[in-house]
Protein backbone atom coordinates (compact mmCIF):
# COMPACT_ATOMS: atom_id res chain seq x y z
CA MET A 1 22.31 80.63 -15.92
CA VAL A 2 20.05 79.38 -13.12
CA LYS A 3 19.68 75.62 -12.84
CA THR A 4 16.04 74.51 -12.59
CA PRO A 5 15.98 71.05 -10.97
CA LEU A 6 12.30 70.42 -11.81
CA GLN A 7 10.87 71.48 -15.13
CA SER A 8 7.21 70.98 -15.92
CA VAL A 9 4.62 72.24 -18.36
CA TYR A 10 0.91 71.58 -17.98
CA ASP A 11 -0.82 71.02 -21.33
CA THR A 12 -4.39 72.25 -20.81
CA ALA A 13 -5.63 70.67 -24.06
CA THR A 14 -4.65 67.11 -23.04
CA GLN A 15 -4.45 67.67 -19.26
CA ARG A 16 -0.99 66.12 -19.22
CA ILE A 17 2.20 67.31 -17.59
CA VAL A 18 5.54 67.00 -19.38
CA GLY A 19 9.01 67.96 -18.28
CA ARG A 20 12.33 66.85 -16.92
CA LEU A 21 14.21 66.25 -13.71
CA THR A 22 17.86 67.31 -13.58
CA LYS A 23 21.07 65.94 -12.04
CA ASP A 24 20.99 64.70 -8.43
CA ILE A 25 17.19 64.89 -7.98
CA ASP A 26 15.74 61.62 -6.68
CA LEU A 27 13.35 60.23 -9.30
CA PHE A 28 10.45 59.59 -6.88
CA ARG A 29 10.87 62.88 -5.00
CA GLY A 30 10.91 64.75 -8.30
CA ILE A 31 7.71 63.13 -9.61
CA LYS A 32 5.98 63.74 -6.26
CA ALA A 33 7.06 67.41 -6.27
CA ILE A 34 5.71 67.92 -9.80
CA CYS A 35 2.40 66.30 -8.82
CA GLN A 36 2.16 68.51 -5.74
CA GLU A 37 2.95 71.62 -7.81
CA HIS A 38 0.06 70.79 -10.16
CA SER A 39 -2.32 69.50 -7.43
CA VAL A 40 -2.28 65.95 -8.85
CA THR A 41 -3.27 63.27 -6.33
CA ALA A 42 -3.70 60.30 -8.69
CA ALA A 43 -1.83 59.68 -11.93
CA HIS A 44 -0.06 57.34 -14.30
CA PHE A 45 3.38 58.33 -15.59
CA GLN A 46 6.11 57.26 -17.98
CA CYS A 47 9.74 58.31 -18.06
CA ILE A 48 13.14 57.74 -19.67
CA GLY A 49 16.61 59.08 -18.94
CA SER A 50 19.67 58.30 -16.84
CA LEU A 51 20.29 57.51 -13.18
CA GLN A 52 23.52 57.58 -11.16
CA HIS A 53 22.53 54.06 -10.10
CA ALA A 54 19.30 52.05 -9.92
CA SER A 55 17.91 50.68 -6.64
CA TYR A 56 15.21 48.07 -7.07
CA VAL A 57 13.81 44.68 -6.15
CA GLN A 58 12.74 41.84 -8.41
CA VAL A 59 10.11 39.16 -8.09
CA GLU A 60 11.32 35.69 -7.18
CA ARG A 61 9.89 32.32 -6.14
CA ASP A 62 9.41 31.90 -2.40
CA GLY A 63 9.55 28.09 -2.43
CA THR A 64 5.80 27.62 -1.97
CA GLN A 65 3.75 26.46 -4.95
CA GLY A 66 2.34 29.50 -6.73
CA ARG A 67 3.76 32.04 -4.27
CA ILE A 68 6.22 34.83 -5.02
CA LYS A 69 8.16 37.37 -3.00
CA TYR A 70 10.48 40.29 -3.65
CA SER A 71 14.24 39.91 -3.63
CA ALA A 72 16.53 41.76 -1.27
CA LYS A 73 17.39 45.28 -2.47
CA LYS A 74 19.60 45.35 -5.54
CA GLN A 75 21.68 48.34 -6.63
CA THR A 76 23.70 48.78 -9.80
CA HIS A 77 27.42 49.51 -9.56
CA SER A 78 27.36 52.01 -12.41
CA PRO A 79 25.11 54.67 -13.92
CA VAL A 80 22.20 53.32 -15.94
CA GLU A 81 20.14 54.42 -18.90
CA LEU A 82 16.46 54.08 -18.01
CA LEU A 83 15.06 52.59 -21.22
CA SER A 84 11.42 52.52 -20.14
CA ALA A 85 9.65 53.13 -16.85
CA THR A 86 6.02 53.41 -15.91
CA GLY A 87 4.21 53.88 -12.67
CA PHE A 88 1.33 55.19 -10.60
CA VAL A 89 1.05 58.07 -8.16
CA GLY A 90 -1.32 57.71 -5.21
CA PHE A 91 -1.17 57.52 -1.42
CA ASP A 92 0.43 55.12 1.03
CA GLU A 93 -1.40 53.52 3.97
CA GLN A 94 -0.91 56.67 6.09
CA GLY A 95 -2.22 59.00 3.37
CA ASN A 96 1.17 60.32 2.22
CA PRO A 97 2.01 60.66 -1.51
CA ASP A 98 3.35 57.36 -2.86
CA ILE A 99 4.75 55.99 -6.12
CA HIS A 100 4.75 52.48 -7.57
CA MET A 101 7.17 52.23 -10.50
CA HIS A 102 8.67 49.46 -12.61
CA GLY A 103 11.41 50.03 -15.15
CA VAL A 104 13.92 48.49 -17.53
CA PHE A 105 17.48 49.80 -17.70
CA VAL A 106 20.90 49.10 -19.19
CA ASP A 107 24.09 49.61 -17.16
CA CYS A 108 27.59 50.66 -18.28
CA ASP A 109 28.48 47.01 -18.97
CA SER A 110 25.54 46.67 -21.43
CA VAL A 111 23.62 44.46 -18.98
CA ILE A 112 19.86 44.91 -19.29
CA SER A 113 17.76 44.41 -16.17
CA GLY A 114 14.82 45.92 -14.37
CA GLY A 115 12.30 45.62 -11.62
CA HIS A 116 10.32 47.45 -8.96
CA PHE A 117 12.17 50.70 -8.15
CA LEU A 118 12.69 51.91 -4.57
CA GLU A 119 11.90 55.33 -3.13
CA ASP A 120 14.67 57.83 -2.33
CA GLU A 121 17.36 55.67 -3.94
CA ASN A 122 17.42 56.58 -7.64
CA PRO A 123 19.27 59.88 -8.23
CA VAL A 124 19.21 61.42 -11.71
CA ALA A 125 22.54 61.33 -13.59
CA VAL A 126 21.89 63.69 -16.54
CA THR A 127 18.14 63.99 -17.06
CA ILE A 128 14.85 62.17 -16.65
CA GLU A 129 12.14 63.15 -19.11
CA TYR A 130 8.59 62.32 -18.07
CA ILE A 131 4.94 62.61 -18.93
CA ILE A 132 2.30 62.50 -16.21
CA PHE A 133 -1.30 61.55 -16.97
CA PRO A 134 -3.47 62.87 -14.09
CA VAL A 135 -6.49 60.73 -13.23
CA LYS A 136 -9.55 62.68 -12.09
CA GLY A 137 -12.25 61.28 -9.82
CA VAL A 138 -10.22 58.25 -8.75
CA GLU A 139 -8.43 57.59 -5.48
CA MET A 140 -5.39 55.32 -5.38
CA GLN A 141 -4.35 54.30 -1.88
CA ARG A 142 -2.27 51.41 -0.64
CA LYS A 143 -4.09 48.91 1.54
CA GLU A 144 -3.21 45.38 2.51
CA ASP A 145 -4.00 42.83 -0.16
CA GLU A 146 -6.15 39.99 1.24
CA ILE A 147 -4.24 37.26 -0.60
CA TRP A 148 -0.64 38.44 -0.40
CA GLY A 149 -0.73 40.37 2.89
CA MET A 150 1.21 43.32 1.48
CA PRO A 151 0.14 46.91 0.80
CA VAL A 152 -0.85 47.45 -2.84
CA PHE A 153 -2.72 50.26 -4.55
CA GLN A 154 -6.49 49.91 -4.26
CA PHE A 155 -8.62 51.96 -6.66
CA SER A 156 -11.89 53.65 -5.80
CA LYS A 157 -14.11 56.54 -6.90
CA GLY A 158 -13.22 59.79 -5.24
CA GLY A 159 -10.17 62.01 -5.21
CA ILE A 160 -9.83 65.43 -6.77
């Protein structure tokens, strides 16, 4: 039996892509590969499943009234069950495919947590099942936010 690390099916009626990622595939790399396979440049997605560990950051106060920042990188010490995750696919500031994803998970000690997941640091344990909702005629690209001074997705007409 041949192992297929990326499984995807394009539903022409709804224009959605469903499938799964298998063991050891990085979550972000897998979603990007599926989008590339189906020529998707902008999308929303949802997924559930298990990860060998979760790497993420969380929002925290920065000590200035009304200001926030992200924590240092956090990583679980056990596999996690990804209870709910959602995100966007677009481009980074250099025009490379990019993902912005937030999720909630439970670890092997029954501790529930979540946050903003990090690229290349969330390998699949058993499976990740996903649905991708391609967005036509919209471009999503990270550009510096005027208020916060960090790159965030900006939305404009265009794209494929």
